[in-house]
Amino acid sequence: MNASIKQTSVLAVVSLVSGILGWSLLPFLGSLAAIATGHLARREIRANPALGGDSLAVVGLVLGWVSVAAWILGILAFLMFFGGLAWLGSR
């Protein structure tokens, strides 16, 4: 039996770990690292068919992008809330 074992891309693992860290210990920086390394990992995996880990890179990308979207929505909600308070206070 001659089964070929694919080596997992290191960038894909870094993307996944960064995506998890983006939700826990490094809120914004981890998410940006997950997005950057996820795109790099997917490019590396497409260029070298002997590498695996595309699903790890995709999960890291999703975690990163969802975290960034949550940050943007949170900042907008913050600005709208306190902007509304300032508007009501100026009346």
PDB file of N, CA and C in Angstrom:
ATOM      1  N   MET A   1       0.840  -1.163   0.000  1.00  0.00           N
ATOM      2  CA  MET A   1       0.000   0.000   0.000  1.00  0.00           C
ATOM      3  C   MET A   1       0.890   1.232   0.000  1.00  0.00           C
ATOM      4  N   ASN A   2       0.707   2.072  -0.996  1.00  0.00           N
ATOM      5  CA  ASN A   2       1.546   3.244  -1.164  1.00  0.00           C
ATOM      6  C   ASN A   2       0.681   4.497  -1.068  1.00  0.00           C
ATOM      7  N   ALA A   3       0.359   4.889   0.127  1.00  0.00           N
ATOM      8  CA  ALA A   3      -0.508   6.051   0.335  1.00  0.00           C
ATOM      9  C   ALA A   3       0.355   7.306   0.434  1.00  0.00           C
ATOM     10  N   SER A   4      -0.048   8.324  -0.310  1.00  0.00           N
ATOM     11  CA  SER A   4       0.692   9.578  -0.238  1.00  0.00           C
ATOM     12  C   SER A   4       0.114  10.437   0.885  1.00  0.00           C
ATOM     13  N   ILE A   5       0.985  10.881   1.743  1.00  0.00           N
ATOM     14  CA  ILE A   5       0.573  11.697   2.879  1.00  0.00           C
ATOM     15  C   ILE A   5       0.915  13.144   2.560  1.00  0.00           C
ATOM     16  N   LYS A   6      -0.101  13.999   2.605  1.00  0.00           N
ATOM     17  CA  LYS A   6       0.124  15.412   2.331  1.00  0.00           C
ATOM     18  C   LYS A   6       0.630  16.099   3.587  1.00  0.00           C
ATOM     19  N   GLN A   7       1.603  16.960   3.388  1.00  0.00           N
ATOM     20  CA  GLN A   7       2.111  17.763   4.491  1.00  0.00           C
ATOM     21  C   GLN A   7       1.223  18.992   4.633  1.00  0.00           C
ATOM     22  N   THR A   8       0.866  19.339   5.845  1.00  0.00           N
ATOM     23  CA  THR A   8       0.004  20.487   6.096  1.00  0.00           C
ATOM     24  C   THR A   8       0.821  21.767   6.010  1.00  0.00           C
ATOM     25  N   SER A   9       0.256  22.755   5.357  1.00  0.00           N
ATOM     26  CA  SER A   9       0.905  24.054   5.222  1.00  0.00           C
ATOM     27  C   SER A   9       1.038  24.719   6.587  1.00  0.00           C
ATOM     28  N   VAL A  10       2.223  25.209   6.875  1.00  0.00           N
ATOM     29  CA  VAL A  10       2.465  25.902   8.143  1.00  0.00           C
ATOM     30  C   VAL A  10       1.650  27.188   8.195  1.00  0.00           C
ATOM     31  N   LEU A  11       1.542  27.882   7.078  1.00  0.00           N
ATOM     32  CA  LEU A  11       0.752  29.120   7.052  1.00  0.00           C
ATOM     33  C   LEU A  11      -0.723  28.868   7.343  1.00  0.00           C
ATOM     34  N   ALA A  12      -1.230  27.714   6.935  1.00  0.00           N
ATOM     35  CA  ALA A  12      -2.630  27.382   7.223  1.00  0.00           C
ATOM     36  C   ALA A  12      -2.834  27.189   8.721  1.00  0.00           C
ATOM     37  N   VAL A  13      -1.890  26.534   9.367  1.00  0.00           N
ATOM     38  CA  VAL A  13      -1.975  26.347  10.817  1.00  0.00           C
ATOM     39  C   VAL A  13      -1.862  27.685  11.531  1.00  0.00           C
ATOM     40  N   VAL A  14      -0.954  28.543  11.058  1.00  0.00           N
ATOM     41  CA  VAL A  14      -0.798  29.871  11.653  1.00  0.00           C
ATOM     42  C   VAL A  14      -2.078  30.685  11.474  1.00  0.00           C
ATOM     43  N   SER A  15      -2.714  30.555  10.336  1.00  0.00           N
ATOM     44  CA  SER A  15      -3.968  31.266  10.099  1.00  0.00           C
ATOM     45  C   SER A  15      -5.045  30.813  11.073  1.00  0.00           C
ATOM     46  N   LEU A  16      -5.177  29.527  11.270  1.00  0.00           N
ATOM     47  CA  LEU A  16      -6.174  29.000  12.197  1.00  0.00           C
ATOM     48  C   LEU A  16      -5.893  29.454  13.626  1.00  0.00           C
ATOM     49  N   VAL A  17      -4.651  29.348  14.064  1.00  0.00           N
ATOM     50  CA  VAL A  17      -4.293  29.753  15.428  1.00  0.00           C
ATOM     51  C   VAL A  17      -4.501  31.259  15.600  1.00  0.00           C
ATOM     52  N   SER A  18      -4.133  32.041  14.595  1.00  0.00           N
ATOM     53  CA  SER A  18      -4.334  33.490  14.676  1.00  0.00           C
ATOM     54  C   SER A  18      -5.815  33.846  14.708  1.00  0.00           C
ATOM     55  N   GLY A  19      -6.615  33.120  13.954  1.00  0.00           N
ATOM     56  CA  GLY A  19      -8.053  33.355  13.975  1.00  0.00           C
ATOM     57  C   GLY A  19      -8.653  33.075  15.341  1.00  0.00           C
ATOM     58  N   ILE A  20      -8.178  32.024  15.997  1.00  0.00           N
ATOM     59  CA  ILE A  20      -8.650  31.724  17.350  1.00  0.00           C
ATOM     60  C   ILE A  20      -8.163  32.784  18.327  1.00  0.00           C
ATOM     61  N   LEU A  21      -6.918  33.204  18.180  1.00  0.00           N
ATOM     62  CA  LEU A  21      -6.386  34.255  19.051  1.00  0.00           C
ATOM     63  C   LEU A  21      -7.096  35.584  18.818  1.00  0.00           C
ATOM     64  N   GLY A  22      -7.570  35.794  17.596  1.00  0.00           N
ATOM     65  CA  GLY A  22      -8.310  37.013  17.290  1.00  0.00           C
ATOM     66  C   GLY A  22      -9.619  37.113  18.048  1.00  0.00           C
ATOM     67  N   TRP A  23     -10.136  35.985  18.499  1.00  0.00           N
ATOM     68  CA  TRP A  23     -11.369  35.979  19.298  1.00  0.00           C
ATOM     69  C   TRP A  23     -11.096  35.907  20.783  1.00  0.00           C
ATOM     70  N   SER A  24      -9.808  35.745  21.178  1.00  0.00           N
ATOM     71  CA  SER A  24      -9.544  35.574  22.604  1.00  0.00           C
ATOM     72  C   SER A  24      -8.469  36.527  23.118  1.00  0.00           C
ATOM     73  N   LEU A  25      -7.220  36.285  22.829  1.00  0.00           N
ATOM     74  CA  LEU A  25      -6.132  37.028  23.456  1.00  0.00           C
ATOM     75  C   LEU A  25      -5.665  38.254  22.676  1.00  0.00           C
ATOM     76  N   LEU A  26      -5.702  38.201  21.375  1.00  0.00           N
ATOM     77  CA  LEU A  26      -5.230  39.309  20.536  1.00  0.00           C
ATOM     78  C   LEU A  26      -6.363  39.764  19.623  1.00  0.00           C
ATOM     79  N   PRO A  27      -7.337  40.487  20.153  1.00  0.00           N
ATOM     80  CA  PRO A  27      -8.585  40.720  19.424  1.00  0.00           C
ATOM     81  C   PRO A  27      -8.427  41.243  17.999  1.00  0.00           C
ATOM     82  N   PHE A  28      -7.745  42.317  17.764  1.00  0.00           N
ATOM     83  CA  PHE A  28      -7.720  42.843  16.399  1.00  0.00           C
ATOM     84  C   PHE A  28      -6.493  42.356  15.626  1.00  0.00           C
ATOM     85  N   LEU A  29      -5.349  42.306  16.275  1.00  0.00           N
ATOM     86  CA  LEU A  29      -4.123  41.892  15.587  1.00  0.00           C
ATOM     87  C   LEU A  29      -4.169  40.433  15.152  1.00  0.00           C
ATOM     88  N   GLY A  30      -4.741  39.583  15.982  1.00  0.00           N
ATOM     89  CA  GLY A  30      -4.870  38.176  15.611  1.00  0.00           C
ATOM     90  C   GLY A  30      -5.744  37.981  14.388  1.00  0.00           C
ATOM     91  N   SER A  31      -6.798  38.790  14.301  1.00  0.00           N
ATOM     92  CA  SER A  31      -7.694  38.689  13.148  1.00  0.00           C
ATOM     93  C   SER A  31      -7.010  39.128  11.866  1.00  0.00           C
ATOM     94  N   LEU A  32      -6.252  40.212  11.947  1.00  0.00           N
ATOM     95  CA  LEU A  32      -5.526  40.665  10.754  1.00  0.00           C
ATOM     96  C   LEU A  32      -4.468  39.650  10.336  1.00  0.00           C
ATOM     97  N   ALA A  33      -3.792  39.055  11.308  1.00  0.00           N
ATOM     98  CA  ALA A  33      -2.798  38.022  10.987  1.00  0.00           C
ATOM     99  C   ALA A  33      -3.473  36.798  10.372  1.00  0.00           C
ATOM    100  N   ALA A  34      -4.649  36.440  10.867  1.00  0.00           N
ATOM    101  CA  ALA A  34      -5.383  35.289  10.321  1.00  0.00           C
ATOM    102  C   ALA A  34      -5.773  35.532   8.869  1.00  0.00           C
ATOM    103  N   ILE A  35      -6.199  36.748   8.564  1.00  0.00           N
ATOM    104  CA  ILE A  35      -6.595  37.066   7.194  1.00  0.00           C
ATOM    105  C   ILE A  35      -5.387  37.027   6.261  1.00  0.00           C
ATOM    106  N   ALA A  36      -4.300  37.650   6.688  1.00  0.00           N
ATOM    107  CA  ALA A  36      -3.098  37.699   5.836  1.00  0.00           C
ATOM    108  C   ALA A  36      -2.522  36.307   5.612  1.00  0.00           C
ATOM    109  N   THR A  37      -2.327  35.545   6.687  1.00  0.00           N
ATOM    110  CA  THR A  37      -1.718  34.226   6.525  1.00  0.00           C
ATOM    111  C   THR A  37      -2.680  33.238   5.865  1.00  0.00           C
ATOM    112  N   GLY A  38      -3.974  33.442   6.026  1.00  0.00           N
ATOM    113  CA  GLY A  38      -4.940  32.571   5.353  1.00  0.00           C
ATOM    114  C   GLY A  38      -4.877  32.714   3.842  1.00  0.00           C
ATOM    115  N   HIS A  39      -4.788  33.961   3.379  1.00  0.00           N
ATOM    116  CA  HIS A  39      -4.667  34.172   1.925  1.00  0.00           C
ATOM    117  C   HIS A  39      -3.339  33.644   1.398  1.00  0.00           C
ATOM    118  N   LEU A  40      -2.268  33.876   2.155  1.00  0.00           N
ATOM    119  CA  LEU A  40      -0.966  33.351   1.735  1.00  0.00           C
ATOM    120  C   LEU A  40      -0.958  31.827   1.714  1.00  0.00           C
ATOM    121  N   ALA A  41      -1.576  31.202   2.699  1.00  0.00           N
ATOM    122  CA  ALA A  41      -1.624  29.738   2.762  1.00  0.00           C
ATOM    123  C   ALA A  41      -2.409  29.161   1.588  1.00  0.00           C
ATOM    124  N   ARG A  42      -3.545  29.781   1.259  1.00  0.00           N
ATOM    125  CA  ARG A  42      -4.336  29.262   0.138  1.00  0.00           C
ATOM    126  C   ARG A  42      -3.566  29.378  -1.174  1.00  0.00           C
ATOM    127  N   ARG A  43      -2.828  30.476  -1.353  1.00  0.00           N
ATOM    128  CA  ARG A  43      -2.007  30.624  -2.559  1.00  0.00           C
ATOM    129  C   ARG A  43      -0.908  29.564  -2.592  1.00  0.00           C
ATOM    130  N   GLU A  44      -0.276  29.320  -1.436  1.00  0.00           N
ATOM    131  CA  GLU A  44       0.787  28.326  -1.353  1.00  0.00           C
ATOM    132  C   GLU A  44       0.257  26.922  -1.633  1.00  0.00           C
ATOM    133  N   ILE A  45      -0.931  26.607  -1.125  1.00  0.00           N
ATOM    134  CA  ILE A  45      -1.515  25.278  -1.312  1.00  0.00           C
ATOM    135  C   ILE A  45      -1.920  25.068  -2.770  1.00  0.00           C
ATOM    136  N   ARG A  46      -2.453  26.112  -3.418  1.00  0.00           N
ATOM    137  CA  ARG A  46      -2.802  25.985  -4.840  1.00  0.00           C
ATOM    138  C   ARG A  46      -1.557  25.813  -5.708  1.00  0.00           C
ATOM    139  N   ALA A  47      -0.457  26.459  -5.321  1.00  0.00           N
ATOM    140  CA  ALA A  47       0.770  26.378  -6.117  1.00  0.00           C
ATOM    141  C   ALA A  47       1.477  25.039  -5.942  1.00  0.00           C
ATOM    142  N   ASN A  48       1.331  24.401  -4.784  1.00  0.00           N
ATOM    143  CA  ASN A  48       2.024  23.150  -4.503  1.00  0.00           C
ATOM    144  C   ASN A  48       0.996  22.079  -4.129  1.00  0.00           C
ATOM    145  N   PRO A  49       0.651  21.187  -5.050  1.00  0.00           N
ATOM    146  CA  PRO A  49      -0.376  20.178  -4.774  1.00  0.00           C
ATOM    147  C   PRO A  49       0.018  19.173  -3.690  1.00  0.00           C
ATOM    148  N   ALA A  50       1.286  19.125  -3.294  1.00  0.00           N
ATOM    149  CA  ALA A  50       1.713  18.201  -2.248  1.00  0.00           C
ATOM    150  C   ALA A  50       1.348  18.708  -0.865  1.00  0.00           C
ATOM    151  N   LEU A  51       0.906  19.957  -0.765  1.00  0.00           N
ATOM    152  CA  LEU A  51       0.541  20.537   0.525  1.00  0.00           C
ATOM    153  C   LEU A  51      -0.957  20.393   0.769  1.00  0.00           C
ATOM    154  N   GLY A  52      -1.310  20.212   2.018  1.00  0.00           N
ATOM    155  CA  GLY A  52      -2.704  20.155   2.426  1.00  0.00           C
ATOM    156  C   GLY A  52      -2.977  21.257   3.438  1.00  0.00           C
ATOM    157  N   GLY A  53      -4.198  21.303   3.916  1.00  0.00           N
ATOM    158  CA  GLY A  53      -4.546  22.285   4.937  1.00  0.00           C
ATOM    159  C   GLY A  53      -5.391  23.435   4.438  1.00  0.00           C
ATOM    160  N   ASP A  54      -6.007  23.263   3.277  1.00  0.00           N
ATOM    161  CA  ASP A  54      -6.830  24.341   2.735  1.00  0.00           C
ATOM    162  C   ASP A  54      -8.003  24.653   3.662  1.00  0.00           C
ATOM    163  N   SER A  55      -8.584  23.630   4.265  1.00  0.00           N
ATOM    164  CA  SER A  55      -9.716  23.870   5.169  1.00  0.00           C
ATOM    165  C   SER A  55      -9.272  24.631   6.417  1.00  0.00           C
ATOM    166  N   LEU A  56      -8.061  24.395   6.887  1.00  0.00           N
ATOM    167  CA  LEU A  56      -7.545  25.150   8.032  1.00  0.00           C
ATOM    168  C   LEU A  56      -7.403  26.625   7.672  1.00  0.00           C
ATOM    169  N   ALA A  57      -6.908  26.887   6.473  1.00  0.00           N
ATOM    170  CA  ALA A  57      -6.741  28.266   6.023  1.00  0.00           C
ATOM    171  C   ALA A  57      -8.099  28.948   5.866  1.00  0.00           C
ATOM    172  N   VAL A  58      -9.078  28.227   5.349  1.00  0.00           N
ATOM    173  CA  VAL A  58     -10.411  28.809   5.168  1.00  0.00           C
ATOM    174  C   VAL A  58     -11.051  29.121   6.521  1.00  0.00           C
ATOM    175  N   VAL A  59     -10.907  28.235   7.489  1.00  0.00           N
ATOM    176  CA  VAL A  59     -11.465  28.489   8.824  1.00  0.00           C
ATOM    177  C   VAL A  59     -10.775  29.695   9.455  1.00  0.00           C
ATOM    178  N   GLY A  60      -9.458  29.803   9.290  1.00  0.00           N
ATOM    179  CA  GLY A  60      -8.739  30.969   9.792  1.00  0.00           C
ATOM    180  C   GLY A  60      -9.214  32.248   9.132  1.00  0.00           C
ATOM    181  N   LEU A  61      -9.436  32.201   7.815  1.00  0.00           N
ATOM    182  CA  LEU A  61      -9.958  33.368   7.101  1.00  0.00           C
ATOM    183  C   LEU A  61     -11.342  33.763   7.598  1.00  0.00           C
ATOM    184  N   VAL A  62     -12.205  32.787   7.767  1.00  0.00           N
ATOM    185  CA  VAL A  62     -13.572  33.081   8.226  1.00  0.00           C
ATOM    186  C   VAL A  62     -13.546  33.683   9.628  1.00  0.00           C
ATOM    187  N   LEU A  63     -12.758  33.096  10.520  1.00  0.00           N
ATOM    188  CA  LEU A  63     -12.655  33.642  11.871  1.00  0.00           C
ATOM    189  C   LEU A  63     -12.121  35.076  11.842  1.00  0.00           C
ATOM    190  N   GLY A  64     -11.130  35.315  11.006  1.00  0.00           N
ATOM    191  CA  GLY A  64     -10.561  36.657  10.913  1.00  0.00           C
ATOM    192  C   GLY A  64     -11.537  37.670  10.361  1.00  0.00           C
ATOM    193  N   TRP A  65     -12.199  37.344   9.262  1.00  0.00           N
ATOM    194  CA  TRP A  65     -13.130  38.294   8.642  1.00  0.00           C
ATOM    195  C   TRP A  65     -14.358  38.544   9.514  1.00  0.00           C
ATOM    196  N   VAL A  66     -14.868  37.513  10.178  1.00  0.00           N
ATOM    197  CA  VAL A  66     -16.026  37.703  11.048  1.00  0.00           C
ATOM    198  C   VAL A  66     -15.654  38.580  12.243  1.00  0.00           C
ATOM    199  N   SER A  67     -14.465  38.391  12.766  1.00  0.00           N
ATOM    200  CA  SER A  67     -14.013  39.225  13.879  1.00  0.00           C
ATOM    201  C   SER A  67     -13.856  40.683  13.456  1.00  0.00           C
ATOM    202  N   VAL A  68     -13.285  40.913  12.281  1.00  0.00           N
ATOM    203  CA  VAL A  68     -13.135  42.285  11.786  1.00  0.00           C
ATOM    204  C   VAL A  68     -14.504  42.921  11.554  1.00  0.00           C
ATOM    205  N   ALA A  69     -15.436  42.164  11.002  1.00  0.00           N
ATOM    206  CA  ALA A  69     -16.789  42.689  10.795  1.00  0.00           C
ATOM    207  C   ALA A  69     -17.451  43.021  12.126  1.00  0.00           C
ATOM    208  N   ALA A  70     -17.249  42.182  13.134  1.00  0.00           N
ATOM    209  CA  ALA A  70     -17.814  42.459  14.458  1.00  0.00           C
ATOM    210  C   ALA A  70     -17.202  43.716  15.059  1.00  0.00           C
ATOM    211  N   TRP A  71     -15.907  43.908  14.850  1.00  0.00           N
ATOM    212  CA  TRP A  71     -15.254  45.134  15.325  1.00  0.00           C
ATOM    213  C   TRP A  71     -15.858  46.360  14.656  1.00  0.00           C
ATOM    214  N   ILE A  72     -16.032  46.291  13.354  1.00  0.00           N
ATOM    215  CA  ILE A  72     -16.580  47.443  12.619  1.00  0.00           C
ATOM    216  C   ILE A  72     -18.011  47.737  13.080  1.00  0.00           C
ATOM    217  N   LEU A  73     -18.828  46.699  13.219  1.00  0.00           N
ATOM    218  CA  LEU A  73     -20.198  46.900  13.689  1.00  0.00           C
ATOM    219  C   LEU A  73     -20.223  47.444  15.118  1.00  0.00           C
ATOM    220  N   GLY A  74     -19.332  46.963  15.957  1.00  0.00           N
ATOM    221  CA  GLY A  74     -19.255  47.459  17.323  1.00  0.00           C
ATOM    222  C   GLY A  74     -18.856  48.921  17.392  1.00  0.00           C
ATOM    223  N   ILE A  75     -17.899  49.316  16.573  1.00  0.00           N
ATOM    224  CA  ILE A  75     -17.473  50.718  16.541  1.00  0.00           C
ATOM    225  C   ILE A  75     -18.595  51.601  16.005  1.00  0.00           C
ATOM    226  N   LEU A  76     -19.291  51.146  14.963  1.00  0.00           N
ATOM    227  CA  LEU A  76     -20.420  51.915  14.436  1.00  0.00           C
ATOM    228  C   LEU A  76     -21.535  52.054  15.470  1.00  0.00           C
ATOM    229  N   ALA A  77     -21.836  50.983  16.187  1.00  0.00           N
ATOM    230  CA  ALA A  77     -22.869  51.044  17.225  1.00  0.00           C
ATOM    231  C   ALA A  77     -22.450  52.010  18.334  1.00  0.00           C
ATOM    232  N   PHE A  78     -21.184  51.971  18.716  1.00  0.00           N
ATOM    233  CA  PHE A  78     -20.658  52.878  19.732  1.00  0.00           C
ATOM    234  C   PHE A  78     -20.805  54.331  19.293  1.00  0.00           C
ATOM    235  N   LEU A  79     -20.405  54.613  18.055  1.00  0.00           N
ATOM    236  CA  LEU A  79     -20.485  55.986  17.547  1.00  0.00           C
ATOM    237  C   LEU A  79     -21.934  56.450  17.413  1.00  0.00           C
ATOM    238  N   MET A  80     -22.794  55.565  16.957  1.00  0.00           N
ATOM    239  CA  MET A  80     -24.198  55.948  16.817  1.00  0.00           C
ATOM    240  C   MET A  80     -24.846  56.185  18.185  1.00  0.00           C
ATOM    241  N   PHE A  81     -24.531  55.355  19.159  1.00  0.00           N
ATOM    242  CA  PHE A  81     -25.118  55.500  20.479  1.00  0.00           C
ATOM    243  C   PHE A  81     -24.681  56.812  21.129  1.00  0.00           C
ATOM    244  N   PHE A  82     -23.364  57.041  21.166  1.00  0.00           N
ATOM    245  CA  PHE A  82     -22.882  58.251  21.818  1.00  0.00           C
ATOM    246  C   PHE A  82     -23.112  59.496  20.970  1.00  0.00           C
ATOM    247  N   GLY A  83     -23.182  59.339  19.657  1.00  0.00           N
ATOM    248  CA  GLY A  83     -23.570  60.465  18.804  1.00  0.00           C
ATOM    249  C   GLY A  83     -25.014  60.865  19.053  1.00  0.00           C
ATOM    250  N   GLY A  84     -25.872  59.863  19.255  1.00  0.00           N
ATOM    251  CA  GLY A  84     -27.268  60.150  19.577  1.00  0.00           C
ATOM    252  C   GLY A  84     -27.410  60.812  20.931  1.00  0.00           C
ATOM    253  N   LEU A  85     -26.605  60.362  21.893  1.00  0.00           N
ATOM    254  CA  LEU A  85     -26.633  61.000  23.208  1.00  0.00           C
ATOM    255  C   LEU A  85     -26.155  62.450  23.122  1.00  0.00           C
ATOM    256  N   ALA A  86     -25.119  62.683  22.348  1.00  0.00           N
ATOM    257  CA  ALA A  86     -24.612  64.052  22.187  1.00  0.00           C
ATOM    258  C   ALA A  86     -25.661  64.931  21.488  1.00  0.00           C
ATOM    259  N   TRP A  87     -26.355  64.357  20.518  1.00  0.00           N
ATOM    260  CA  TRP A  87     -27.384  65.120  19.820  1.00  0.00           C
ATOM    261  C   TRP A  87     -28.538  65.451  20.763  1.00  0.00           C
ATOM    262  N   LEU A  88     -28.928  64.473  21.570  1.00  0.00           N
ATOM    263  CA  LEU A  88     -30.008  64.728  22.526  1.00  0.00           C
ATOM    264  C   LEU A  88     -29.579  65.733  23.595  1.00  0.00           C
ATOM    265  N   GLY A  89     -28.320  65.692  23.983  1.00  0.00           N
ATOM    266  CA  GLY A  89     -27.821  66.631  24.990  1.00  0.00           C
ATOM    267  C   GLY A  89     -27.705  68.045  24.480  1.00  0.00           C
ATOM    268  N   SER A  90     -27.564  68.199  23.177  1.00  0.00           N
ATOM    269  CA  SER A  90     -27.408  69.549  22.603  1.00  0.00           C
ATOM    270  C   SER A  90     -28.750  70.201  22.320  1.00  0.00           C
ATOM    271  N   ARG A  91     -29.832  69.492  22.503  1.00  0.00           N
ATOM    272  CA  ARG A  91     -31.169  70.048  22.197  1.00  0.00           C
ATOM    273  C   ARG A  91     -31.645  70.934  23.290  1.00  0.00           C
TER     274      ARG A  91
END
